[in-house]
Amino acid sequence: MNRYGLDMAFLISSEADTDVVEKHLWAVLDHLHELDGVIDPDLLAHLGKGQNDAKVVYTMFVDAKTPPEALNAGLVAVRTAVHACEGSTTGWEDLFRTGEQTVRPTDAEDLDGDLAGACEA
């Protein structure tokens, strides 16, 4: 198994007040902390001026054999946490296609030589 860092960004929409959306996002993060296999989850959010301007990035580490398996584990964890907090994932497949996901190995030897050198400096 390898450990991978994940950044998963999604555009979100809601009819709810910004404070309600923010409270929900924190509840999802709290639930991510409780899930087995999710390591050090965190979030960044830009809720914007209007409900269609909202963007959330969930970050975490997971152990998996391959990068696609790591991404799948992260996406399943986020979706599970959203449902546990009584949120909706209607259109999830579109969010996945239009979102930005980054999977990166955490071991220095798995990184490109230039990046590994920059980390040591």
PDB file of N, CA and C in Angstrom:
ATOM      1  N   MET A   1       0.843  -1.184   0.000  1.00  0.00           N
ATOM      2  CA  MET A   1       0.000   0.000   0.000  1.00  0.00           C
ATOM      3  C   MET A   1       0.885   1.243   0.000  1.00  0.00           C
ATOM      4  N   ASN A   2       0.382   2.263  -0.636  1.00  0.00           N
ATOM      5  CA  ASN A   2       1.035   3.565  -0.662  1.00  0.00           C
ATOM      6  C   ASN A   2       0.095   4.587  -0.043  1.00  0.00           C
ATOM      7  N   ARG A   3       0.660   5.638   0.496  1.00  0.00           N
ATOM      8  CA  ARG A   3      -0.149   6.730   1.025  1.00  0.00           C
ATOM      9  C   ARG A   3      -0.187   7.847  -0.017  1.00  0.00           C
ATOM     10  N   TYR A   4      -1.412   8.313  -0.283  1.00  0.00           N
ATOM     11  CA  TYR A   4      -1.620   9.374  -1.265  1.00  0.00           C
ATOM     12  C   TYR A   4      -2.298  10.571  -0.607  1.00  0.00           C
ATOM     13  N   GLY A   5      -1.884  11.751  -1.027  1.00  0.00           N
ATOM     14  CA  GLY A   5      -2.565  12.978  -0.638  1.00  0.00           C
ATOM     15  C   GLY A   5      -3.588  13.319  -1.699  1.00  0.00           C
ATOM     16  N   LEU A   6      -4.767  13.721  -1.272  1.00  0.00           N
ATOM     17  CA  LEU A   6      -5.849  14.054  -2.188  1.00  0.00           C
ATOM     18  C   LEU A   6      -6.315  15.486  -1.960  1.00  0.00           C
ATOM     19  N   ASP A   7      -6.573  16.182  -3.051  1.00  0.00           N
ATOM     20  CA  ASP A   7      -7.261  17.473  -3.044  1.00  0.00           C
ATOM     21  C   ASP A   7      -8.441  17.308  -3.985  1.00  0.00           C
ATOM     22  N   MET A   8      -9.645  17.471  -3.461  1.00  0.00           N
ATOM     23  CA  MET A   8     -10.847  17.277  -4.275  1.00  0.00           C
ATOM     24  C   MET A   8     -11.700  18.542  -4.193  1.00  0.00           C
ATOM     25  N   ALA A   9     -11.767  19.259  -5.308  1.00  0.00           N
ATOM     26  CA  ALA A   9     -12.489  20.527  -5.353  1.00  0.00           C
ATOM     27  C   ALA A   9     -13.816  20.350  -6.076  1.00  0.00           C
ATOM     28  N   PHE A  10     -14.835  20.959  -5.507  1.00  0.00           N
ATOM     29  CA  PHE A  10     -16.173  20.873  -6.076  1.00  0.00           C
ATOM     30  C   PHE A  10     -16.839  22.236  -6.051  1.00  0.00           C
ATOM     31  N   LEU A  11     -17.592  22.519  -7.094  1.00  0.00           N
ATOM     32  CA  LEU A  11     -18.497  23.662  -7.076  1.00  0.00           C
ATOM     33  C   LEU A  11     -19.775  23.180  -6.426  1.00  0.00           C
ATOM     34  N   ILE A  12     -20.308  23.972  -5.531  1.00  0.00           N
ATOM     35  CA  ILE A  12     -21.525  23.559  -4.841  1.00  0.00           C
ATOM     36  C   ILE A  12     -22.592  24.629  -5.012  1.00  0.00           C
ATOM     37  N   SER A  13     -23.829  24.194  -4.935  1.00  0.00           N
ATOM     38  CA  SER A  13     -24.942  25.139  -4.986  1.00  0.00           C
ATOM     39  C   SER A  13     -25.918  24.776  -3.888  1.00  0.00           C
ATOM     40  N   SER A  14     -26.556  25.780  -3.373  1.00  0.00           N
ATOM     41  CA  SER A  14     -27.516  25.566  -2.307  1.00  0.00           C
ATOM     42  C   SER A  14     -28.462  26.749  -2.261  1.00  0.00           C
ATOM     43  N   GLU A  15     -29.676  26.469  -1.893  1.00  0.00           N
ATOM     44  CA  GLU A  15     -30.654  27.531  -1.675  1.00  0.00           C
ATOM     45  C   GLU A  15     -30.508  28.116  -0.275  1.00  0.00           C
ATOM     46  N   ALA A  16     -29.694  27.471   0.554  1.00  0.00           N
ATOM     47  CA  ALA A  16     -29.559  27.855   1.957  1.00  0.00           C
ATOM     48  C   ALA A  16     -28.676  29.092   2.114  1.00  0.00           C
ATOM     49  N   ASP A  17     -28.820  29.721   3.253  1.00  0.00           N
ATOM     50  CA  ASP A  17     -28.007  30.849   3.652  1.00  0.00           C
ATOM     51  C   ASP A  17     -26.540  30.414   3.751  1.00  0.00           C
ATOM     52  N   THR A  18     -25.624  31.327   3.497  1.00  0.00           N
ATOM     53  CA  THR A  18     -24.196  31.018   3.539  1.00  0.00           C
ATOM     54  C   THR A  18     -23.775  30.431   4.886  1.00  0.00           C
ATOM     55  N   ASP A  19     -24.343  30.935   5.979  1.00  0.00           N
ATOM     56  CA  ASP A  19     -24.006  30.401   7.303  1.00  0.00           C
ATOM     57  C   ASP A  19     -24.414  28.937   7.434  1.00  0.00           C
ATOM     58  N   VAL A  20     -25.547  28.586   6.853  1.00  0.00           N
ATOM     59  CA  VAL A  20     -26.025  27.201   6.898  1.00  0.00           C
ATOM     60  C   VAL A  20     -25.101  26.303   6.077  1.00  0.00           C
ATOM     61  N   VAL A  21     -24.695  26.785   4.903  1.00  0.00           N
ATOM     62  CA  VAL A  21     -23.781  26.011   4.053  1.00  0.00           C
ATOM     63  C   VAL A  21     -22.455  25.805   4.777  1.00  0.00           C
ATOM     64  N   GLU A  22     -21.938  26.849   5.383  1.00  0.00           N
ATOM     65  CA  GLU A  22     -20.668  26.740   6.102  1.00  0.00           C
ATOM     66  C   GLU A  22     -20.780  25.737   7.258  1.00  0.00           C
ATOM     67  N   LYS A  23     -21.866  25.796   8.001  1.00  0.00           N
ATOM     68  CA  LYS A  23     -22.072  24.853   9.102  1.00  0.00           C
ATOM     69  C   LYS A  23     -22.110  23.409   8.584  1.00  0.00           C
ATOM     70  N   HIS A  24     -22.771  23.211   7.440  1.00  0.00           N
ATOM     71  CA  HIS A  24     -22.840  21.871   6.847  1.00  0.00           C
ATOM     72  C   HIS A  24     -21.449  21.388   6.426  1.00  0.00           C
ATOM     73  N   LEU A  25     -20.666  22.254   5.799  1.00  0.00           N
ATOM     74  CA  LEU A  25     -19.326  21.867   5.364  1.00  0.00           C
ATOM     75  C   LEU A  25     -18.466  21.434   6.547  1.00  0.00           C
ATOM     76  N   TRP A  26     -18.573  22.142   7.662  1.00  0.00           N
ATOM     77  CA  TRP A  26     -17.808  21.764   8.860  1.00  0.00           C
ATOM     78  C   TRP A  26     -18.309  20.447   9.435  1.00  0.00           C
ATOM     79  N   ALA A  27     -19.613  20.215   9.365  1.00  0.00           N
ATOM     80  CA  ALA A  27     -20.164  18.937   9.837  1.00  0.00           C
ATOM     81  C   ALA A  27     -19.632  17.787   8.987  1.00  0.00           C
ATOM     82  N   VAL A  28     -19.549  17.996   7.673  1.00  0.00           N
ATOM     83  CA  VAL A  28     -18.991  16.971   6.778  1.00  0.00           C
ATOM     84  C   VAL A  28     -17.536  16.695   7.163  1.00  0.00           C
ATOM     85  N   LEU A  29     -16.768  17.752   7.416  1.00  0.00           N
ATOM     86  CA  LEU A  29     -15.377  17.569   7.824  1.00  0.00           C
ATOM     87  C   LEU A  29     -15.293  16.787   9.133  1.00  0.00           C
ATOM     88  N   ASP A  30     -16.147  17.121  10.098  1.00  0.00           N
ATOM     89  CA  ASP A  30     -16.156  16.385  11.360  1.00  0.00           C
ATOM     90  C   ASP A  30     -16.420  14.901  11.117  1.00  0.00           C
ATOM     91  N   HIS A  31     -17.339  14.597  10.207  1.00  0.00           N
ATOM     92  CA  HIS A  31     -17.638  13.196   9.915  1.00  0.00           C
ATOM     93  C   HIS A  31     -16.461  12.511   9.208  1.00  0.00           C
ATOM     94  N   LEU A  32     -15.775  13.228   8.343  1.00  0.00           N
ATOM     95  CA  LEU A  32     -14.595  12.656   7.685  1.00  0.00           C
ATOM     96  C   LEU A  32     -13.552  12.222   8.712  1.00  0.00           C
ATOM     97  N   HIS A  33     -13.420  12.982   9.789  1.00  0.00           N
ATOM     98  CA  HIS A  33     -12.476  12.629  10.851  1.00  0.00           C
ATOM     99  C   HIS A  33     -12.839  11.304  11.508  1.00  0.00           C
ATOM    100  N   GLU A  34     -14.105  10.916  11.455  1.00  0.00           N
ATOM    101  CA  GLU A  34     -14.570   9.691  12.098  1.00  0.00           C
ATOM    102  C   GLU A  34     -14.458   8.458  11.203  1.00  0.00           C
ATOM    103  N   LEU A  35     -14.247   8.644   9.908  1.00  0.00           N
ATOM    104  CA  LEU A  35     -14.224   7.517   8.977  1.00  0.00           C
ATOM    105  C   LEU A  35     -12.890   6.784   8.996  1.00  0.00           C
ATOM    106  N   ASP A  36     -12.954   5.459   8.988  1.00  0.00           N
ATOM    107  CA  ASP A  36     -11.745   4.641   8.897  1.00  0.00           C
ATOM    108  C   ASP A  36     -11.090   4.860   7.532  1.00  0.00           C
ATOM    109  N   GLY A  37      -9.790   4.945   7.536  1.00  0.00           N
ATOM    110  CA  GLY A  37      -9.050   5.057   6.289  1.00  0.00           C
ATOM    111  C   GLY A  37      -8.846   6.475   5.802  1.00  0.00           C
ATOM    112  N   VAL A  38      -9.480   7.439   6.445  1.00  0.00           N
ATOM    113  CA  VAL A  38      -9.301   8.846   6.081  1.00  0.00           C
ATOM    114  C   VAL A  38      -8.320   9.452   7.084  1.00  0.00           C
ATOM    115  N   ILE A  39      -7.235   9.996   6.571  1.00  0.00           N
ATOM    116  CA  ILE A  39      -6.165  10.507   7.424  1.00  0.00           C
ATOM    117  C   ILE A  39      -6.055  12.015   7.246  1.00  0.00           C
ATOM    118  N   ASP A  40      -6.115  12.726   8.347  1.00  0.00           N
ATOM    119  CA  ASP A  40      -5.902  14.178   8.397  1.00  0.00           C
ATOM    120  C   ASP A  40      -6.757  14.967   7.388  1.00  0.00           C
ATOM    121  N   PRO A  41      -8.074  14.768   7.400  1.00  0.00           N
ATOM    122  CA  PRO A  41      -8.911  15.531   6.470  1.00  0.00           C
ATOM    123  C   PRO A  41      -8.976  17.007   6.848  1.00  0.00           C
ATOM    124  N   ASP A  42      -9.178  17.845   5.854  1.00  0.00           N
ATOM    125  CA  ASP A  42      -9.322  19.285   6.066  1.00  0.00           C
ATOM    126  C   ASP A  42     -10.158  19.850   4.926  1.00  0.00           C
ATOM    127  N   LEU A  43     -10.508  21.122   5.030  1.00  0.00           N
ATOM    128  CA  LEU A  43     -11.259  21.746   3.941  1.00  0.00           C
ATOM    129  C   LEU A  43     -10.864  23.190   3.781  1.00  0.00           C
ATOM    130  N   LEU A  44     -11.042  23.664   2.577  1.00  0.00           N
ATOM    131  CA  LEU A  44     -10.952  25.073   2.223  1.00  0.00           C
ATOM    132  C   LEU A  44     -12.248  25.393   1.505  1.00  0.00           C
ATOM    133  N   ALA A  45     -12.806  26.549   1.778  1.00  0.00           N
ATOM    134  CA  ALA A  45     -14.051  26.903   1.106  1.00  0.00           C
ATOM    135  C   ALA A  45     -14.050  28.372   0.731  1.00  0.00           C
ATOM    136  N   HIS A  46     -14.590  28.641  -0.430  1.00  0.00           N
ATOM    137  CA  HIS A  46     -14.864  30.008  -0.865  1.00  0.00           C
ATOM    138  C   HIS A  46     -16.347  30.029  -1.205  1.00  0.00           C
ATOM    139  N   LEU A  47     -17.115  30.655  -0.349  1.00  0.00           N
ATOM    140  CA  LEU A  47     -18.555  30.623  -0.538  1.00  0.00           C
ATOM    141  C   LEU A  47     -19.051  31.708  -1.480  1.00  0.00           C
ATOM    142  N   GLY A  48     -18.237  32.707  -1.798  1.00  0.00           N
ATOM    143  CA  GLY A  48     -18.603  33.702  -2.791  1.00  0.00           C
ATOM    144  C   GLY A  48     -19.775  34.564  -2.374  1.00  0.00           C
ATOM    145  N   LYS A  49     -20.198  35.377  -3.300  1.00  0.00           N
ATOM    146  CA  LYS A  49     -21.307  36.303  -3.037  1.00  0.00           C
ATOM    147  C   LYS A  49     -22.651  35.659  -3.288  1.00  0.00           C
ATOM    148  N   GLY A  50     -22.697  34.754  -4.246  1.00  0.00           N
ATOM    149  CA  GLY A  50     -23.946  34.082  -4.572  1.00  0.00           C
ATOM    150  C   GLY A  50     -23.812  32.596  -4.370  1.00  0.00           C
ATOM    151  N   GLN A  51     -24.920  31.908  -4.323  1.00  0.00           N
ATOM    152  CA  GLN A  51     -24.892  30.479  -4.043  1.00  0.00           C
ATOM    153  C   GLN A  51     -24.196  29.690  -5.148  1.00  0.00           C
ATOM    154  N   ASN A  52     -24.170  30.207  -6.372  1.00  0.00           N
ATOM    155  CA  ASN A  52     -23.531  29.474  -7.462  1.00  0.00           C
ATOM    156  C   ASN A  52     -22.030  29.729  -7.541  1.00  0.00           C
ATOM    157  N   ASP A  53     -21.516  30.597  -6.655  1.00  0.00           N
ATOM    158  CA  ASP A  53     -20.088  30.901  -6.643  1.00  0.00           C
ATOM    159  C   ASP A  53     -19.314  30.032  -5.657  1.00  0.00           C
ATOM    160  N   ALA A  54     -19.984  29.150  -4.953  1.00  0.00           N
ATOM    161  CA  ALA A  54     -19.349  28.416  -3.861  1.00  0.00           C
ATOM    162  C   ALA A  54     -18.447  27.307  -4.393  1.00  0.00           C
ATOM    163  N   LYS A  55     -17.283  27.192  -3.762  1.00  0.00           N
ATOM    164  CA  LYS A  55     -16.335  26.134  -4.099  1.00  0.00           C
ATOM    165  C   LYS A  55     -15.768  25.593  -2.789  1.00  0.00           C
ATOM    166  N   VAL A  56     -15.683  24.290  -2.695  1.00  0.00           N
ATOM    167  CA  VAL A  56     -15.093  23.644  -1.518  1.00  0.00           C
ATOM    168  C   VAL A  56     -14.012  22.676  -1.977  1.00  0.00           C
ATOM    169  N   VAL A  57     -12.928  22.641  -1.219  1.00  0.00           N
ATOM    170  CA  VAL A  57     -11.846  21.698  -1.475  1.00  0.00           C
ATOM    171  C   VAL A  57     -11.656  20.873  -0.213  1.00  0.00           C
ATOM    172  N   TYR A  58     -11.875  19.572  -0.325  1.00  0.00           N
ATOM    173  CA  TYR A  58     -11.583  18.657   0.766  1.00  0.00           C
ATOM    174  C   TYR A  58     -10.223  18.045   0.497  1.00  0.00           C
ATOM    175  N   THR A  59      -9.382  18.022   1.529  1.00  0.00           N
ATOM    176  CA  THR A  59      -8.062  17.414   1.427  1.00  0.00           C
ATOM    177  C   THR A  59      -7.963  16.287   2.453  1.00  0.00           C
ATOM    178  N   MET A  60      -7.191  15.278   2.134  1.00  0.00           N
ATOM    179  CA  MET A  60      -6.993  14.156   3.053  1.00  0.00           C
ATOM    180  C   MET A  60      -5.879  13.268   2.515  1.00  0.00           C
ATOM    181  N   PHE A  61      -5.486  12.302   3.312  1.00  0.00           N
ATOM    182  CA  PHE A  61      -4.567  11.250   2.899  1.00  0.00           C
ATOM    183  C   PHE A  61      -5.308   9.927   3.015  1.00  0.00           C
ATOM    184  N   VAL A  62      -5.024   9.010   2.103  1.00  0.00           N
ATOM    185  CA  VAL A  62      -5.582   7.660   2.151  1.00  0.00           C
ATOM    186  C   VAL A  62      -4.487   6.677   1.735  1.00  0.00           C
ATOM    187  N   ASP A  63      -4.619   5.451   2.198  1.00  0.00           N
ATOM    188  CA  ASP A  63      -3.717   4.383   1.778  1.00  0.00           C
ATOM    189  C   ASP A  63      -4.413   3.574   0.690  1.00  0.00           C
ATOM    190  N   ALA A  64      -3.712   3.344  -0.414  1.00  0.00           N
ATOM    191  CA  ALA A  64      -4.281   2.603  -1.542  1.00  0.00           C
ATOM    192  C   ALA A  64      -3.144   2.016  -2.369  1.00  0.00           C
ATOM    193  N   LYS A  65      -3.504   1.075  -3.245  1.00  0.00           N
ATOM    194  CA  LYS A  65      -2.503   0.453  -4.115  1.00  0.00           C
ATOM    195  C   LYS A  65      -2.127   1.356  -5.284  1.00  0.00           C
ATOM    196  N   THR A  66      -3.116   2.099  -5.817  1.00  0.00           N
ATOM    197  CA  THR A  66      -2.881   2.917  -7.006  1.00  0.00           C
ATOM    198  C   THR A  66      -3.531   4.286  -6.835  1.00  0.00           C
ATOM    199  N   PRO A  67      -3.103   5.272  -7.622  1.00  0.00           N
ATOM    200  CA  PRO A  67      -3.750   6.583  -7.557  1.00  0.00           C
ATOM    201  C   PRO A  67      -5.264   6.545  -7.846  1.00  0.00           C
ATOM    202  N   PRO A  68      -5.744   5.793  -8.856  1.00  0.00           N
ATOM    203  CA  PRO A  68      -7.191   5.739  -9.066  1.00  0.00           C
ATOM    204  C   PRO A  68      -7.950   5.169  -7.859  1.00  0.00           C
ATOM    205  N   GLU A  69      -7.362   4.146  -7.197  1.00  0.00           N
ATOM    206  CA  GLU A  69      -8.001   3.589  -6.002  1.00  0.00           C
ATOM    207  C   GLU A  69      -8.015   4.617  -4.874  1.00  0.00           C
ATOM    208  N   ALA A  70      -6.957   5.412  -4.770  1.00  0.00           N
ATOM    209  CA  ALA A  70      -6.900   6.461  -3.747  1.00  0.00           C
ATOM    210  C   ALA A  70      -7.976   7.514  -4.002  1.00  0.00           C
ATOM    211  N   LEU A  71      -8.105   7.942  -5.252  1.00  0.00           N
ATOM    212  CA  LEU A  71      -9.124   8.934  -5.584  1.00  0.00           C
ATOM    213  C   LEU A  71     -10.517   8.396  -5.299  1.00  0.00           C
ATOM    214  N   ASN A  72     -10.759   7.152  -5.679  1.00  0.00           N
ATOM    215  CA  ASN A  72     -12.064   6.557  -5.418  1.00  0.00           C
ATOM    216  C   ASN A  72     -12.351   6.512  -3.912  1.00  0.00           C
ATOM    217  N   ALA A  73     -11.362   6.136  -3.116  1.00  0.00           N
ATOM    218  CA  ALA A  73     -11.555   6.093  -1.662  1.00  0.00           C
ATOM    219  C   ALA A  73     -11.891   7.468  -1.106  1.00  0.00           C
ATOM    220  N   GLY A  74     -11.212   8.490  -1.601  1.00  0.00           N
ATOM    221  CA  GLY A  74     -11.487   9.855  -1.147  1.00  0.00           C
ATOM    222  C   GLY A  74     -12.870  10.327  -1.533  1.00  0.00           C
ATOM    223  N   LEU A  75     -13.260  10.056  -2.778  1.00  0.00           N
ATOM    224  CA  LEU A  75     -14.591  10.475  -3.234  1.00  0.00           C
ATOM    225  C   LEU A  75     -15.695   9.743  -2.480  1.00  0.00           C
ATOM    226  N   VAL A  76     -15.503   8.452  -2.226  1.00  0.00           N
ATOM    227  CA  VAL A  76     -16.484   7.690  -1.453  1.00  0.00           C
ATOM    228  C   VAL A  76     -16.582   8.256  -0.039  1.00  0.00           C
ATOM    229  N   ALA A  77     -15.450   8.608   0.548  1.00  0.00           N
ATOM    230  CA  ALA A  77     -15.453   9.165   1.904  1.00  0.00           C
ATOM    231  C   ALA A  77     -16.218  10.483   1.956  1.00  0.00           C
ATOM    232  N   VAL A  78     -15.971  11.370   1.001  1.00  0.00           N
ATOM    233  CA  VAL A  78     -16.673  12.660   0.992  1.00  0.00           C
ATOM    234  C   VAL A  78     -18.169  12.447   0.796  1.00  0.00           C
ATOM    235  N   ARG A  79     -18.528  11.599  -0.143  1.00  0.00           N
ATOM    236  CA  ARG A  79     -19.958  11.353  -0.398  1.00  0.00           C
ATOM    237  C   ARG A  79     -20.627  10.723   0.826  1.00  0.00           C
ATOM    238  N   THR A  80     -19.955   9.792   1.477  1.00  0.00           N
ATOM    239  CA  THR A  80     -20.479   9.177   2.691  1.00  0.00           C
ATOM    240  C   THR A  80     -20.695  10.225   3.775  1.00  0.00           C
ATOM    241  N   ALA A  81     -19.728  11.106   3.941  1.00  0.00           N
ATOM    242  CA  ALA A  81     -19.831  12.147   4.963  1.00  0.00           C
ATOM    243  C   ALA A  81     -20.959  13.132   4.653  1.00  0.00           C
ATOM    244  N   VAL A  82     -21.117  13.486   3.393  1.00  0.00           N
ATOM    245  CA  VAL A  82     -22.215  14.394   3.002  1.00  0.00           C
ATOM    246  C   VAL A  82     -23.558  13.753   3.343  1.00  0.00           C
ATOM    247  N   HIS A  83     -23.725  12.479   3.002  1.00  0.00           N
ATOM    248  CA  HIS A  83     -24.978  11.780   3.308  1.00  0.00           C
ATOM    249  C   HIS A  83     -25.201  11.659   4.816  1.00  0.00           C
ATOM    250  N   ALA A  84     -24.135  11.371   5.565  1.00  0.00           N
ATOM    251  CA  ALA A  84     -24.256  11.238   7.018  1.00  0.00           C
ATOM    252  C   ALA A  84     -24.721  12.546   7.658  1.00  0.00           C
ATOM    253  N   CYS A  85     -24.423  13.652   7.004  1.00  0.00           N
ATOM    254  CA  CYS A  85     -24.822  14.973   7.510  1.00  0.00           C
ATOM    255  C   CYS A  85     -26.111  15.458   6.856  1.00  0.00           C
ATOM    256  N   GLU A  86     -26.851  14.513   6.277  1.00  0.00           N
ATOM    257  CA  GLU A  86     -28.145  14.763   5.656  1.00  0.00           C
ATOM    258  C   GLU A  86     -28.059  15.718   4.467  1.00  0.00           C
ATOM    259  N   GLY A  87     -26.916  15.683   3.778  1.00  0.00           N
ATOM    260  CA  GLY A  87     -26.754  16.473   2.576  1.00  0.00           C
ATOM    261  C   GLY A  87     -27.118  15.650   1.353  1.00  0.00           C
ATOM    262  N   SER A  88     -27.252  16.339   0.251  1.00  0.00           N
ATOM    263  CA  SER A  88     -27.615  15.698  -1.000  1.00  0.00           C
ATOM    264  C   SER A  88     -26.413  15.639  -1.930  1.00  0.00           C
ATOM    265  N   THR A  89     -26.323  14.552  -2.679  1.00  0.00           N
ATOM    266  CA  THR A  89     -25.281  14.452  -3.697  1.00  0.00           C
ATOM    267  C   THR A  89     -25.917  14.285  -5.079  1.00  0.00           C
ATOM    268  N   THR A  90     -27.064  14.904  -5.249  1.00  0.00           N
ATOM    269  CA  THR A  90     -27.714  14.900  -6.559  1.00  0.00           C
ATOM    270  C   THR A  90     -26.754  15.517  -7.576  1.00  0.00           C
ATOM    271  N   GLY A  91     -26.551  14.835  -8.683  1.00  0.00           N
ATOM    272  CA  GLY A  91     -25.635  15.326  -9.708  1.00  0.00           C
ATOM    273  C   GLY A  91     -24.170  15.089  -9.370  1.00  0.00           C
ATOM    274  N   TRP A  92     -23.913  14.183  -8.426  1.00  0.00           N
ATOM    275  CA  TRP A  92     -22.540  13.907  -7.984  1.00  0.00           C
ATOM    276  C   TRP A  92     -21.624  13.562  -9.151  1.00  0.00           C
ATOM    277  N   GLU A  93     -22.110  12.767 -10.082  1.00  0.00           N
ATOM    278  CA  GLU A  93     -21.268  12.358 -11.204  1.00  0.00           C
ATOM    279  C   GLU A  93     -20.826  13.568 -12.023  1.00  0.00           C
ATOM    280  N   ASP A  94     -21.713  14.561 -12.184  1.00  0.00           N
ATOM    281  CA  ASP A  94     -21.329  15.786 -12.891  1.00  0.00           C
ATOM    282  C   ASP A  94     -20.313  16.583 -12.080  1.00  0.00           C
ATOM    283  N   LEU A  95     -20.491  16.615 -10.752  1.00  0.00           N
ATOM    284  CA  LEU A  95     -19.521  17.308  -9.905  1.00  0.00           C
ATOM    285  C   LEU A  95     -18.146  16.682 -10.049  1.00  0.00           C
ATOM    286  N   PHE A  96     -18.112  15.358 -10.135  1.00  0.00           N
ATOM    287  CA  PHE A  96     -16.849  14.648 -10.282  1.00  0.00           C
ATOM    288  C   PHE A  96     -16.187  15.023 -11.605  1.00  0.00           C
ATOM    289  N   ARG A  97     -16.978  15.097 -12.671  1.00  0.00           N
ATOM    290  CA  ARG A  97     -16.410  15.418 -13.989  1.00  0.00           C
ATOM    291  C   ARG A  97     -15.966  16.872 -14.082  1.00  0.00           C
ATOM    292  N   THR A  98     -16.684  17.786 -13.428  1.00  0.00           N
ATOM    293  CA  THR A  98     -16.356  19.203 -13.540  1.00  0.00           C
ATOM    294  C   THR A  98     -15.462  19.689 -12.405  1.00  0.00           C
ATOM    295  N   GLY A  99     -15.281  18.873 -11.380  1.00  0.00           N
ATOM    296  CA  GLY A  99     -14.426  19.255 -10.264  1.00  0.00           C
ATOM    297  C   GLY A  99     -12.965  19.054 -10.601  1.00  0.00           C
ATOM    298  N   GLU A 100     -12.127  19.441  -9.668  1.00  0.00           N
ATOM    299  CA  GLU A 100     -10.687  19.277  -9.836  1.00  0.00           C
ATOM    300  C   GLU A 100     -10.212  18.327  -8.749  1.00  0.00           C
ATOM    301  N   GLN A 101      -9.585  17.241  -9.168  1.00  0.00           N
ATOM    302  CA  GLN A 101      -9.052  16.282  -8.210  1.00  0.00           C
ATOM    303  C   GLN A 101      -7.560  16.096  -8.454  1.00  0.00           C
ATOM    304  N   THR A 102      -6.795  16.119  -7.368  1.00  0.00           N
ATOM    305  CA  THR A 102      -5.359  15.902  -7.444  1.00  0.00           C
ATOM    306  C   THR A 102      -4.998  14.748  -6.526  1.00  0.00           C
ATOM    307  N   VAL A 103      -4.231  13.806  -7.042  1.00  0.00           N
ATOM    308  CA  VAL A 103      -3.733  12.677  -6.267  1.00  0.00           C
ATOM    309  C   VAL A 103      -2.216  12.744  -6.331  1.00  0.00           C
ATOM    310  N   ARG A 104      -1.577  12.749  -5.168  1.00  0.00           N
ATOM    311  CA  ARG A 104      -0.117  12.820  -5.157  1.00  0.00           C
ATOM    312  C   ARG A 104       0.452  11.803  -4.175  1.00  0.00           C
ATOM    313  N   PRO A 105       1.504  11.108  -4.576  1.00  0.00           N
ATOM    314  CA  PRO A 105       2.157  10.185  -3.647  1.00  0.00           C
ATOM    315  C   PRO A 105       2.842  10.983  -2.547  1.00  0.00           C
ATOM    316  N   THR A 106       2.942  10.416  -1.368  1.00  0.00           N
ATOM    317  CA  THR A 106       3.557  11.143  -0.260  1.00  0.00           C
ATOM    318  C   THR A 106       4.994  10.739  -0.002  1.00  0.00           C
ATOM    319  N   ASP A 107       5.466   9.649  -0.610  1.00  0.00           N
ATOM    320  CA  ASP A 107       6.845   9.221  -0.421  1.00  0.00           C
ATOM    321  C   ASP A 107       7.742   9.972  -1.388  1.00  0.00           C
ATOM    322  N   ALA A 108       8.857  10.480  -0.897  1.00  0.00           N
ATOM    323  CA  ALA A 108       9.764  11.286  -1.724  1.00  0.00           C
ATOM    324  C   ALA A 108      10.240  10.523  -2.955  1.00  0.00           C
ATOM    325  N   GLU A 109      10.484   9.208  -2.827  1.00  0.00           N
ATOM    326  CA  GLU A 109      10.995   8.460  -3.973  1.00  0.00           C
ATOM    327  C   GLU A 109       9.953   8.309  -5.077  1.00  0.00           C
ATOM    328  N   ASP A 110       8.675   8.520  -4.749  1.00  0.00           N
ATOM    329  CA  ASP A 110       7.629   8.450  -5.752  1.00  0.00           C
ATOM    330  C   ASP A 110       7.469   9.758  -6.517  1.00  0.00           C
ATOM    331  N   LEU A 111       8.083  10.828  -6.000  1.00  0.00           N
ATOM    332  CA  LEU A 111       7.948  12.141  -6.631  1.00  0.00           C
ATOM    333  C   LEU A 111       8.969  12.299  -7.738  1.00  0.00           C
ATOM    334  N   ASP A 112       8.659  13.200  -8.649  1.00  0.00           N
ATOM    335  CA  ASP A 112       9.604  13.580  -9.688  1.00  0.00           C
ATOM    336  C   ASP A 112      10.885  14.092  -9.022  1.00  0.00           C
ATOM    337  N   GLY A 113      12.032  13.790  -9.588  1.00  0.00           N
ATOM    338  CA  GLY A 113      13.298  14.191  -8.982  1.00  0.00           C
ATOM    339  C   GLY A 113      13.381  15.667  -8.652  1.00  0.00           C
ATOM    340  N   ASP A 114      12.876  16.539  -9.535  1.00  0.00           N
ATOM    341  CA  ASP A 114      12.928  17.972  -9.284  1.00  0.00           C
ATOM    342  C   ASP A 114      12.099  18.346  -8.057  1.00  0.00           C
ATOM    343  N   LEU A 115      10.929  17.747  -7.928  1.00  0.00           N
ATOM    344  CA  LEU A 115      10.079  18.049  -6.791  1.00  0.00           C
ATOM    345  C   LEU A 115      10.687  17.530  -5.503  1.00  0.00           C
ATOM    346  N   ALA A 116      11.254  16.327  -5.542  1.00  0.00           N
ATOM    347  CA  ALA A 116      11.857  15.759  -4.352  1.00  0.00           C
ATOM    348  C   ALA A 116      13.004  16.648  -3.871  1.00  0.00           C
ATOM    349  N   GLY A 117      13.800  17.157  -4.791  1.00  0.00           N
ATOM    350  CA  GLY A 117      14.890  18.053  -4.423  1.00  0.00           C
ATOM    351  C   GLY A 117      14.384  19.350  -3.816  1.00  0.00           C
ATOM    352  N   ALA A 118      13.304  19.875  -4.340  1.00  0.00           N
ATOM    353  CA  ALA A 118      12.747  21.116  -3.818  1.00  0.00           C
ATOM    354  C   ALA A 118      12.221  20.930  -2.410  1.00  0.00           C
ATOM    355  N   CYS A 119      11.721  19.742  -2.104  1.00  0.00           N
ATOM    356  CA  CYS A 119      11.195  19.480  -0.765  1.00  0.00           C
ATOM    357  C   CYS A 119      12.305  19.408   0.267  1.00  0.00           C
ATOM    358  N   GLU A 120      13.491  18.996  -0.159  1.00  0.00           N
ATOM    359  CA  GLU A 120      14.604  18.861   0.764  1.00  0.00           C
ATOM    360  C   GLU A 120      15.266  20.189   1.073  1.00  0.00           C
ATOM    361  N   ALA A 121      15.099  21.174   0.190  1.00  0.00           N
ATOM    362  CA  ALA A 121      15.768  22.480   0.370  1.00  0.00           C
ATOM    363  C   ALA A 121      15.187  23.268   1.501  1.00  0.00           C
TER     364      ALA A 121
END
